[in-house]
Amino acid sequence: MKNQILIKRYTQGLINSVKDETEFSVLSREISGFSELLQSQEEFKNALSSAFLPLNKKKQIAEEILVKESVARKTLRFILLLVEKMRIELLPEIVKSMPEAWNEKKGISTFEVASVVPLSEKQKKTLQEKLAMLEKRAVSLKYRIDPELVAGLWIKKGNIVYDVSLRGSLTKLKERIIEG
């Protein structure tokens, strides 16, 4: 739970500093690239997370790599901040949460939609229009397939879940039977 709060704070702080779509695109690409490098190079990741390596050495290592990659100043400062605060392990989750936070800043609600089979373009368009009407603003939908739903849809926005799936209905029925 604490990590989720930290992820949200760091992501929000970064997104609040972004001026436009071009800058967001650059930051997103560069930070994502650095995160992928961390995930693929275990020794590098361990060095930046190590309690035994002095902080100035960690920052120097990260800075050398970032300067060599010619990243934007804002990317450099953000990653060095994570290294300094010993939060570099949060980077993959920050990368995942950046698009949603950017959409929120632009006034677009993001929904995660799960279904058993891929939705047709017409179904996607209808769903997007209905959700936009409910939200009274633009919406962005992220789709995924979940064979465990059996039938129907599972829609999530933040902490709110709309479960109109057969699995959800059966779970509710089970709970009612147990309650008596």
N, C-alpha and C. Protein backbone atom coordinates (compact mmCIF):
# COMPACT_ATOMS: atom_id res chain seq x y z
N MET A 1 0.83 -1.20 0.00
CA MET A 1 0.00 0.00 0.00
C MET A 1 0.86 1.25 0.00
N LYS A 2 1.92 1.23 0.83
CA LYS A 2 2.81 2.39 0.91
C LYS A 2 3.45 2.65 -0.46
N ASN A 3 3.86 1.56 -1.14
CA ASN A 3 4.46 1.72 -2.46
C ASN A 3 3.49 2.34 -3.45
N GLN A 4 2.21 1.96 -3.40
CA GLN A 4 1.21 2.51 -4.31
C GLN A 4 1.09 4.02 -4.11
N ILE A 5 1.13 4.46 -2.86
CA ILE A 5 1.05 5.89 -2.56
C ILE A 5 2.28 6.61 -3.10
N LEU A 6 3.45 6.01 -2.90
CA LEU A 6 4.69 6.61 -3.40
C LEU A 6 4.70 6.66 -4.93
N ILE A 7 4.26 5.59 -5.56
CA ILE A 7 4.20 5.54 -7.02
C ILE A 7 3.31 6.66 -7.53
N LYS A 8 2.15 6.81 -6.91
CA LYS A 8 1.22 7.85 -7.33
C LYS A 8 1.82 9.24 -7.14
N ARG A 9 2.49 9.47 -6.01
CA ARG A 9 3.09 10.78 -5.74
C ARG A 9 4.19 11.13 -6.73
N TYR A 10 5.09 10.18 -6.97
CA TYR A 10 6.18 10.44 -7.92
C TYR A 10 5.64 10.63 -9.33
N THR A 11 4.68 9.79 -9.72
CA THR A 11 4.10 9.91 -11.05
C THR A 11 3.40 11.26 -11.20
N GLN A 12 2.60 11.63 -10.21
CA GLN A 12 1.88 12.89 -10.26
C GLN A 12 2.83 14.08 -10.30
N GLY A 13 3.88 14.02 -9.51
CA GLY A 13 4.88 15.10 -9.52
C GLY A 13 5.51 15.25 -10.89
N LEU A 14 5.86 14.14 -11.50
CA LEU A 14 6.45 14.18 -12.84
C LEU A 14 5.46 14.72 -13.86
N ILE A 15 4.25 14.20 -13.84
CA ILE A 15 3.23 14.61 -14.81
C ILE A 15 2.88 16.09 -14.64
N ASN A 16 2.84 16.57 -13.41
CA ASN A 16 2.54 18.00 -13.18
C ASN A 16 3.60 18.92 -13.77
N SER A 17 4.81 18.39 -13.98
CA SER A 17 5.88 19.21 -14.54
C SER A 17 5.89 19.19 -16.07
N VAL A 18 5.08 18.33 -16.68
CA VAL A 18 5.06 18.20 -18.14
C VAL A 18 4.17 19.29 -18.75
N LYS A 19 4.69 19.95 -19.79
CA LYS A 19 3.98 21.06 -20.40
C LYS A 19 3.06 20.65 -21.54
N ASP A 20 3.49 19.70 -22.37
CA ASP A 20 2.69 19.36 -23.54
C ASP A 20 2.89 17.90 -23.96
N GLU A 21 2.16 17.50 -24.98
CA GLU A 21 2.18 16.12 -25.47
C GLU A 21 3.57 15.71 -25.96
N THR A 22 4.27 16.62 -26.61
CA THR A 22 5.61 16.32 -27.13
C THR A 22 6.56 16.00 -25.98
N GLU A 23 6.53 16.84 -24.95
CA GLU A 23 7.40 16.62 -23.80
C GLU A 23 7.03 15.32 -23.09
N PHE A 24 5.73 15.05 -22.97
CA PHE A 24 5.30 13.80 -22.34
C PHE A 24 5.81 12.60 -23.14
N SER A 25 5.72 12.67 -24.44
CA SER A 25 6.17 11.58 -25.29
C SER A 25 7.67 11.30 -25.10
N VAL A 26 8.46 12.36 -25.05
CA VAL A 26 9.91 12.22 -24.86
C VAL A 26 10.20 11.63 -23.48
N LEU A 27 9.62 12.21 -22.44
CA LEU A 27 9.85 11.72 -21.07
C LEU A 27 9.41 10.26 -20.93
N SER A 28 8.26 9.96 -21.46
CA SER A 28 7.72 8.60 -21.36
C SER A 28 8.66 7.60 -22.03
N ARG A 29 9.13 7.94 -23.22
CA ARG A 29 10.03 7.05 -23.96
C ARG A 29 11.36 6.88 -23.21
N GLU A 30 11.93 7.98 -22.72
CA GLU A 30 13.23 7.92 -22.07
C GLU A 30 13.16 7.19 -20.72
N ILE A 31 12.16 7.49 -19.93
CA ILE A 31 12.02 6.85 -18.62
C ILE A 31 11.71 5.36 -18.79
N SER A 32 10.88 5.04 -19.77
CA SER A 32 10.56 3.65 -20.07
C SER A 32 11.82 2.90 -20.52
N GLY A 33 12.63 3.53 -21.34
CA GLY A 33 13.88 2.92 -21.80
C GLY A 33 14.83 2.64 -20.66
N PHE A 34 14.94 3.59 -19.73
CA PHE A 34 15.81 3.39 -18.57
C PHE A 34 15.27 2.27 -17.69
N SER A 35 13.96 2.21 -17.54
CA SER A 35 13.34 1.14 -16.75
C SER A 35 13.61 -0.22 -17.38
N GLU A 36 13.50 -0.31 -18.70
CA GLU A 36 13.78 -1.57 -19.40
C GLU A 36 15.25 -1.97 -19.22
N LEU A 37 16.15 -0.98 -19.25
CA LEU A 37 17.56 -1.25 -19.03
C LEU A 37 17.78 -1.83 -17.63
N LEU A 38 17.13 -1.24 -16.65
CA LEU A 38 17.23 -1.75 -15.27
C LEU A 38 16.74 -3.20 -15.17
N GLN A 39 15.63 -3.49 -15.84
CA GLN A 39 15.05 -4.83 -15.77
C GLN A 39 15.93 -5.86 -16.48
N SER A 40 16.61 -5.44 -17.55
CA SER A 40 17.41 -6.38 -18.32
C SER A 40 18.82 -6.56 -17.76
N GLN A 41 19.31 -5.59 -16.99
CA GLN A 41 20.66 -5.65 -16.43
C GLN A 41 20.59 -5.77 -14.91
N GLU A 42 20.54 -6.99 -14.43
CA GLU A 42 20.37 -7.26 -13.00
C GLU A 42 21.47 -6.61 -12.15
N GLU A 43 22.73 -6.65 -12.63
CA GLU A 43 23.84 -6.06 -11.86
C GLU A 43 23.68 -4.55 -11.72
N PHE A 44 23.23 -3.92 -12.79
CA PHE A 44 23.00 -2.46 -12.77
C PHE A 44 21.88 -2.13 -11.79
N LYS A 45 20.81 -2.87 -11.86
CA LYS A 45 19.67 -2.68 -10.96
C LYS A 45 20.11 -2.86 -9.50
N ASN A 46 20.88 -3.92 -9.24
CA ASN A 46 21.36 -4.19 -7.89
C ASN A 46 22.29 -3.09 -7.39
N ALA A 47 23.11 -2.56 -8.29
CA ALA A 47 24.04 -1.49 -7.89
C ALA A 47 23.27 -0.25 -7.46
N LEU A 48 22.23 0.12 -8.22
CA LEU A 48 21.46 1.32 -7.88
C LEU A 48 20.58 1.12 -6.65
N SER A 49 20.29 -0.13 -6.31
CA SER A 49 19.44 -0.43 -5.15
C SER A 49 20.25 -0.79 -3.90
N SER A 50 21.54 -0.99 -4.07
CA SER A 50 22.40 -1.47 -2.99
C SER A 50 22.53 -0.47 -1.85
N ALA A 51 22.47 -0.99 -0.64
CA ALA A 51 22.68 -0.16 0.55
C ALA A 51 24.17 0.00 0.83
N PHE A 52 24.98 -0.82 0.17
CA PHE A 52 26.43 -0.81 0.42
C PHE A 52 27.19 0.16 -0.48
N LEU A 53 26.59 0.55 -1.59
CA LEU A 53 27.23 1.48 -2.52
C LEU A 53 26.87 2.91 -2.10
N PRO A 54 27.86 3.79 -1.97
CA PRO A 54 27.57 5.17 -1.56
C PRO A 54 26.62 5.86 -2.55
N LEU A 55 25.79 6.73 -2.02
CA LEU A 55 24.79 7.42 -2.82
C LEU A 55 25.42 8.20 -3.98
N ASN A 56 26.51 8.91 -3.71
CA ASN A 56 27.13 9.69 -4.79
C ASN A 56 27.65 8.80 -5.92
N LYS A 57 28.07 7.57 -5.59
CA LYS A 57 28.53 6.63 -6.62
C LYS A 57 27.34 6.13 -7.45
N LYS A 58 26.21 5.85 -6.78
CA LYS A 58 24.99 5.43 -7.50
C LYS A 58 24.54 6.51 -8.47
N LYS A 59 24.52 7.74 -7.98
CA LYS A 59 24.10 8.86 -8.82
C LYS A 59 25.06 9.05 -9.99
N GLN A 60 26.34 8.88 -9.74
CA GLN A 60 27.34 9.02 -10.79
C GLN A 60 27.14 7.96 -11.88
N ILE A 61 26.89 6.73 -11.48
CA ILE A 61 26.67 5.63 -12.43
C ILE A 61 25.44 5.92 -13.29
N ALA A 62 24.34 6.26 -12.62
CA ALA A 62 23.09 6.54 -13.35
C ALA A 62 23.27 7.74 -14.28
N GLU A 63 23.92 8.78 -13.79
CA GLU A 63 24.10 9.99 -14.59
C GLU A 63 24.95 9.72 -15.82
N GLU A 64 26.02 8.93 -15.67
CA GLU A 64 26.87 8.61 -16.82
C GLU A 64 26.07 7.91 -17.92
N ILE A 65 25.24 6.97 -17.53
CA ILE A 65 24.43 6.25 -18.51
C ILE A 65 23.41 7.18 -19.16
N LEU A 66 22.74 7.99 -18.35
CA LEU A 66 21.72 8.90 -18.88
C LEU A 66 22.32 9.97 -19.80
N VAL A 67 23.49 10.49 -19.44
CA VAL A 67 24.15 11.50 -20.28
C VAL A 67 24.58 10.85 -21.60
N LYS A 68 25.10 9.62 -21.52
CA LYS A 68 25.52 8.91 -22.73
C LYS A 68 24.32 8.70 -23.67
N GLU A 69 23.13 8.49 -23.09
CA GLU A 69 21.91 8.29 -23.88
C GLU A 69 21.30 9.62 -24.33
N SER A 70 21.87 10.74 -23.91
CA SER A 70 21.40 12.08 -24.28
C SER A 70 19.93 12.30 -23.95
N VAL A 71 19.55 11.95 -22.72
CA VAL A 71 18.16 12.13 -22.30
C VAL A 71 17.89 13.59 -21.95
N ALA A 72 16.62 13.94 -21.93
CA ALA A 72 16.20 15.30 -21.56
C ALA A 72 16.59 15.58 -20.11
N ARG A 73 16.79 16.84 -19.82
CA ARG A 73 17.20 17.26 -18.47
C ARG A 73 16.18 16.80 -17.42
N LYS A 74 14.91 16.89 -17.75
CA LYS A 74 13.86 16.50 -16.81
C LYS A 74 13.92 15.00 -16.51
N THR A 75 14.21 14.19 -17.51
CA THR A 75 14.36 12.75 -17.32
C THR A 75 15.54 12.48 -16.39
N LEU A 76 16.64 13.14 -16.65
CA LEU A 76 17.84 12.99 -15.84
C LEU A 76 17.55 13.33 -14.38
N ARG A 77 16.93 14.48 -14.15
CA ARG A 77 16.64 14.93 -12.78
C ARG A 77 15.68 13.97 -12.08
N PHE A 78 14.67 13.47 -12.81
CA PHE A 78 13.69 12.58 -12.18
C PHE A 78 14.34 11.25 -11.76
N ILE A 79 15.12 10.67 -12.64
CA ILE A 79 15.76 9.38 -12.31
C ILE A 79 16.78 9.57 -11.19
N LEU A 80 17.54 10.65 -11.23
CA LEU A 80 18.50 10.90 -10.14
C LEU A 80 17.77 11.13 -8.81
N LEU A 81 16.60 11.73 -8.86
CA LEU A 81 15.80 11.91 -7.64
C LEU A 81 15.40 10.53 -7.07
N LEU A 82 14.96 9.63 -7.95
CA LEU A 82 14.59 8.29 -7.50
C LEU A 82 15.80 7.56 -6.90
N VAL A 83 16.95 7.72 -7.51
CA VAL A 83 18.18 7.10 -6.98
C VAL A 83 18.51 7.70 -5.61
N GLU A 84 18.47 9.03 -5.52
CA GLU A 84 18.80 9.73 -4.28
C GLU A 84 17.87 9.33 -3.13
N LYS A 85 16.58 9.18 -3.43
CA LYS A 85 15.60 8.85 -2.39
C LYS A 85 15.47 7.34 -2.20
N MET A 86 16.33 6.58 -2.89
CA MET A 86 16.32 5.11 -2.81
C MET A 86 14.95 4.54 -3.19
N ARG A 87 14.41 5.05 -4.30
CA ARG A 87 13.10 4.63 -4.79
C ARG A 87 13.17 4.10 -6.23
N ILE A 88 14.35 3.77 -6.71
CA ILE A 88 14.50 3.35 -8.10
C ILE A 88 13.70 2.09 -8.42
N GLU A 89 13.42 1.26 -7.40
CA GLU A 89 12.65 0.03 -7.62
C GLU A 89 11.19 0.34 -8.00
N LEU A 90 10.76 1.58 -7.79
CA LEU A 90 9.39 1.97 -8.14
C LEU A 90 9.25 2.31 -9.63
N LEU A 91 10.38 2.44 -10.32
CA LEU A 91 10.35 2.93 -11.71
C LEU A 91 9.44 2.15 -12.65
N PRO A 92 9.44 0.80 -12.65
CA PRO A 92 8.54 0.09 -13.58
C PRO A 92 7.06 0.43 -13.35
N GLU A 93 6.66 0.57 -12.11
CA GLU A 93 5.26 0.90 -11.80
C GLU A 93 4.95 2.35 -12.15
N ILE A 94 5.93 3.23 -11.99
CA ILE A 94 5.74 4.63 -12.37
C ILE A 94 5.52 4.70 -13.88
N VAL A 95 6.32 3.95 -14.62
CA VAL A 95 6.18 3.91 -16.09
C VAL A 95 4.78 3.45 -16.47
N LYS A 96 4.27 2.43 -15.79
CA LYS A 96 2.92 1.91 -16.08
C LYS A 96 1.84 2.95 -15.78
N SER A 97 2.03 3.73 -14.74
CA SER A 97 0.98 4.67 -14.33
C SER A 97 1.04 6.02 -15.04
N MET A 98 2.11 6.28 -15.78
CA MET A 98 2.26 7.58 -16.44
C MET A 98 1.15 7.89 -17.46
N PRO A 99 0.79 6.98 -18.35
CA PRO A 99 -0.25 7.32 -19.34
C PRO A 99 -1.59 7.70 -18.70
N GLU A 100 -1.99 6.97 -17.67
CA GLU A 100 -3.25 7.27 -17.00
C GLU A 100 -3.19 8.64 -16.31
N ALA A 101 -2.07 8.92 -15.66
CA ALA A 101 -1.91 10.22 -14.99
C ALA A 101 -1.91 11.36 -16.01
N TRP A 102 -1.28 11.12 -17.17
CA TRP A 102 -1.26 12.13 -18.22
C TRP A 102 -2.67 12.38 -18.75
N ASN A 103 -3.42 11.29 -18.96
CA ASN A 103 -4.81 11.43 -19.42
C ASN A 103 -5.63 12.23 -18.41
N GLU A 104 -5.46 11.93 -17.13
CA GLU A 104 -6.20 12.66 -16.09
C GLU A 104 -5.87 14.15 -16.13
N LYS A 105 -4.60 14.47 -16.34
CA LYS A 105 -4.20 15.88 -16.41
C LYS A 105 -4.89 16.57 -17.58
N LYS A 106 -5.10 15.82 -18.67
CA LYS A 106 -5.75 16.38 -19.86
C LYS A 106 -7.27 16.31 -19.76
N GLY A 107 -7.79 15.77 -18.65
CA GLY A 107 -9.24 15.69 -18.48
C GLY A 107 -9.86 14.47 -19.13
N ILE A 108 -9.08 13.42 -19.30
CA ILE A 108 -9.57 12.18 -19.91
C ILE A 108 -9.57 11.08 -18.85
N SER A 109 -10.72 10.43 -18.66
CA SER A 109 -10.82 9.32 -17.72
C SER A 109 -10.33 8.04 -18.40
N THR A 110 -9.56 7.24 -17.68
CA THR A 110 -9.05 5.98 -18.22
C THR A 110 -9.77 4.81 -17.56
N PHE A 111 -10.27 3.91 -18.39
CA PHE A 111 -10.94 2.69 -17.92
C PHE A 111 -10.20 1.47 -18.42
N GLU A 112 -10.12 0.46 -17.59
CA GLU A 112 -9.60 -0.84 -18.00
C GLU A 112 -10.82 -1.72 -18.26
N VAL A 113 -10.85 -2.35 -19.43
CA VAL A 113 -11.99 -3.18 -19.82
C VAL A 113 -11.49 -4.59 -20.09
N ALA A 114 -12.10 -5.56 -19.41
CA ALA A 114 -11.76 -6.97 -19.63
C ALA A 114 -12.99 -7.69 -20.19
N SER A 115 -12.74 -8.54 -21.16
CA SER A 115 -13.81 -9.35 -21.74
C SER A 115 -13.24 -10.72 -22.08
N VAL A 116 -14.15 -11.67 -22.33
CA VAL A 116 -13.72 -13.03 -22.65
C VAL A 116 -13.17 -13.09 -24.08
N VAL A 117 -13.81 -12.39 -24.98
CA VAL A 117 -13.40 -12.35 -26.39
C VAL A 117 -13.12 -10.89 -26.77
N PRO A 118 -12.34 -10.67 -27.80
CA PRO A 118 -12.11 -9.29 -28.24
C PRO A 118 -13.42 -8.62 -28.67
N LEU A 119 -13.58 -7.37 -28.29
CA LEU A 119 -14.76 -6.62 -28.69
C LEU A 119 -14.59 -6.12 -30.12
N SER A 120 -15.70 -6.03 -30.84
CA SER A 120 -15.66 -5.49 -32.19
C SER A 120 -15.45 -3.98 -32.09
N GLU A 121 -15.08 -3.38 -33.20
CA GLU A 121 -14.87 -1.93 -33.22
C GLU A 121 -16.16 -1.18 -32.86
N LYS A 122 -17.28 -1.71 -33.34
CA LYS A 122 -18.57 -1.09 -33.04
C LYS A 122 -18.86 -1.16 -31.53
N GLN A 123 -18.58 -2.33 -30.91
CA GLN A 123 -18.80 -2.49 -29.47
C GLN A 123 -17.89 -1.56 -28.68
N LYS A 124 -16.65 -1.45 -29.11
CA LYS A 124 -15.70 -0.56 -28.44
C LYS A 124 -16.18 0.89 -28.50
N LYS A 125 -16.62 1.29 -29.69
CA LYS A 125 -17.09 2.66 -29.89
C LYS A 125 -18.31 2.94 -29.02
N THR A 126 -19.26 1.99 -29.00
CA THR A 126 -20.48 2.16 -28.20
C THR A 126 -20.13 2.26 -26.72
N LEU A 127 -19.26 1.37 -26.25
CA LEU A 127 -18.85 1.39 -24.84
C LEU A 127 -18.17 2.71 -24.50
N GLN A 128 -17.29 3.17 -25.37
CA GLN A 128 -16.59 4.43 -25.13
C GLN A 128 -17.57 5.60 -25.07
N GLU A 129 -18.55 5.61 -25.96
CA GLU A 129 -19.55 6.68 -25.96
C GLU A 129 -20.38 6.67 -24.68
N LYS A 130 -20.81 5.48 -24.25
CA LYS A 130 -21.63 5.37 -23.02
C LYS A 130 -20.84 5.82 -21.80
N LEU A 131 -19.58 5.38 -21.70
CA LEU A 131 -18.76 5.78 -20.56
C LEU A 131 -18.46 7.28 -20.58
N ALA A 132 -18.25 7.83 -21.76
CA ALA A 132 -18.02 9.28 -21.88
C ALA A 132 -19.26 10.05 -21.43
N MET A 133 -20.44 9.52 -21.77
CA MET A 133 -21.69 10.15 -21.35
C MET A 133 -21.82 10.10 -19.82
N LEU A 134 -21.49 8.96 -19.22
CA LEU A 134 -21.55 8.83 -17.77
C LEU A 134 -20.54 9.74 -17.07
N GLU A 135 -19.34 9.82 -17.62
CA GLU A 135 -18.28 10.62 -17.01
C GLU A 135 -18.42 12.11 -17.31
N LYS A 136 -19.16 12.43 -18.36
CA LYS A 136 -19.30 13.81 -18.83
C LYS A 136 -17.96 14.41 -19.23
N ARG A 137 -17.10 13.57 -19.78
CA ARG A 137 -15.82 13.99 -20.34
C ARG A 137 -15.25 12.85 -21.19
N ALA A 138 -14.19 13.14 -21.89
CA ALA A 138 -13.57 12.14 -22.77
C ALA A 138 -13.04 10.96 -21.96
N VAL A 139 -13.04 9.79 -22.57
CA VAL A 139 -12.53 8.59 -21.90
C VAL A 139 -11.53 7.87 -22.81
N SER A 140 -10.63 7.16 -22.16
CA SER A 140 -9.66 6.32 -22.85
C SER A 140 -9.86 4.91 -22.30
N LEU A 141 -9.90 3.91 -23.18
CA LEU A 141 -10.14 2.54 -22.75
C LEU A 141 -8.93 1.67 -23.04
N LYS A 142 -8.54 0.87 -22.05
CA LYS A 142 -7.48 -0.12 -22.23
C LYS A 142 -8.15 -1.49 -22.16
N TYR A 143 -7.98 -2.28 -23.22
CA TYR A 143 -8.66 -3.56 -23.31
C TYR A 143 -7.70 -4.71 -22.99
N ARG A 144 -8.27 -5.76 -22.40
CA ARG A 144 -7.53 -7.00 -22.19
C ARG A 144 -8.52 -8.16 -22.22
N ILE A 145 -8.02 -9.33 -22.50
CA ILE A 145 -8.83 -10.54 -22.56
C ILE A 145 -8.67 -11.28 -21.23
N ASP A 146 -9.79 -11.72 -20.64
CA ASP A 146 -9.79 -12.48 -19.39
C ASP A 146 -10.74 -13.66 -19.54
N PRO A 147 -10.22 -14.84 -19.89
CA PRO A 147 -11.08 -16.01 -20.12
C PRO A 147 -11.84 -16.47 -18.87
N GLU A 148 -11.42 -16.05 -17.68
CA GLU A 148 -12.11 -16.46 -16.46
C GLU A 148 -13.45 -15.76 -16.25
N LEU A 149 -13.73 -14.72 -17.02
CA LEU A 149 -15.00 -14.00 -16.87
C LEU A 149 -16.20 -14.84 -17.32
N VAL A 150 -15.99 -15.80 -18.19
CA VAL A 150 -17.00 -16.67 -18.79
C VAL A 150 -17.85 -15.90 -19.80
N ALA A 151 -18.47 -14.80 -19.40
CA ALA A 151 -19.26 -13.96 -20.31
C ALA A 151 -19.40 -12.58 -19.67
N GLY A 152 -19.68 -11.57 -20.48
CA GLY A 152 -19.88 -10.22 -19.97
C GLY A 152 -18.62 -9.38 -19.96
N LEU A 153 -18.64 -8.30 -19.16
CA LEU A 153 -17.54 -7.35 -19.09
C LEU A 153 -17.15 -7.05 -17.65
N TRP A 154 -15.92 -6.65 -17.49
CA TRP A 154 -15.40 -6.18 -16.22
C TRP A 154 -14.74 -4.84 -16.54
N ILE A 155 -15.22 -3.77 -15.91
CA ILE A 155 -14.72 -2.42 -16.22
C ILE A 155 -14.21 -1.79 -14.93
N LYS A 156 -13.01 -1.20 -15.00
CA LYS A 156 -12.41 -0.61 -13.80
C LYS A 156 -11.89 0.79 -14.12
N LYS A 157 -12.20 1.72 -13.20
CA LYS A 157 -11.64 3.07 -13.24
C LYS A 157 -11.14 3.39 -11.84
N GLY A 158 -9.84 3.45 -11.70
CA GLY A 158 -9.27 3.70 -10.38
C GLY A 158 -9.62 2.57 -9.43
N ASN A 159 -10.32 2.90 -8.34
CA ASN A 159 -10.73 1.88 -7.37
C ASN A 159 -12.16 1.40 -7.58
N ILE A 160 -12.81 1.91 -8.61
CA ILE A 160 -14.21 1.55 -8.87
C ILE A 160 -14.26 0.45 -9.92
N VAL A 161 -14.97 -0.64 -9.61
CA VAL A 161 -15.09 -1.77 -10.53
C VAL A 161 -16.56 -2.00 -10.85
N TYR A 162 -16.84 -2.11 -12.14
CA TYR A 162 -18.18 -2.49 -12.61
C TYR A 162 -18.04 -3.90 -13.15
N ASP A 163 -18.61 -4.85 -12.44
CA ASP A 163 -18.49 -6.25 -12.84
C ASP A 163 -19.84 -6.73 -13.37
N VAL A 164 -19.98 -6.77 -14.68
CA VAL A 164 -21.20 -7.25 -15.31
C VAL A 164 -20.87 -8.54 -16.07
N SER A 165 -20.11 -9.39 -15.39
CA SER A 165 -19.71 -10.66 -15.99
C SER A 165 -20.48 -11.79 -15.34
N LEU A 166 -20.50 -12.92 -15.99
CA LEU A 166 -21.15 -14.10 -15.44
C LEU A 166 -20.43 -14.54 -14.16
N ARG A 167 -19.10 -14.48 -14.17
CA ARG A 167 -18.33 -14.83 -12.99
C ARG A 167 -18.73 -13.94 -11.81
N GLY A 168 -18.85 -12.62 -12.05
CA GLY A 168 -19.25 -11.69 -10.99
C GLY A 168 -20.64 -11.99 -10.47
N SER A 169 -21.56 -12.30 -11.38
CA SER A 169 -22.94 -12.61 -10.98
C SER A 169 -22.99 -13.88 -10.14
N LEU A 170 -22.22 -14.89 -10.54
CA LEU A 170 -22.18 -16.14 -9.78
C LEU A 170 -21.55 -15.93 -8.40
N THR A 171 -20.55 -15.10 -8.32
CA THR A 171 -19.92 -14.79 -7.03
C THR A 171 -20.92 -14.10 -6.10
N LYS A 172 -21.68 -13.14 -6.64
CA LYS A 172 -22.69 -12.44 -5.83
C LYS A 172 -23.77 -13.42 -5.36
N LEU A 173 -24.18 -14.32 -6.25
CA LEU A 173 -25.20 -15.32 -5.89
C LEU A 173 -24.67 -16.22 -4.79
N LYS A 174 -23.44 -16.65 -4.90
CA LYS A 174 -22.81 -17.50 -3.88
C LYS A 174 -22.80 -16.79 -2.52
N GLU A 175 -22.46 -15.50 -2.53
CA GLU A 175 -22.40 -14.74 -1.29
C GLU A 175 -23.78 -14.63 -0.64
N ARG A 176 -24.83 -14.43 -1.48
CA ARG A 176 -26.19 -14.35 -0.95
C ARG A 176 -26.65 -15.69 -0.36
N ILE A 177 -26.27 -16.78 -1.00
CA ILE A 177 -26.66 -18.11 -0.50
C ILE A 177 -25.95 -18.37 0.84
N ILE A 178 -24.70 -18.01 0.94
CA ILE A 178 -23.94 -18.19 2.18
C ILE A 178 -24.52 -17.36 3.30
N GLU A 179 -24.93 -16.11 2.99
CA GLU A 179 -25.51 -15.24 4.00
C GLU A 179 -26.85 -15.77 4.51
N GLY A 180 -27.52 -16.53 3.70
CA GLY A 180 -28.79 -17.15 4.10
C GLY A 180 -29.91 -16.32 3.65
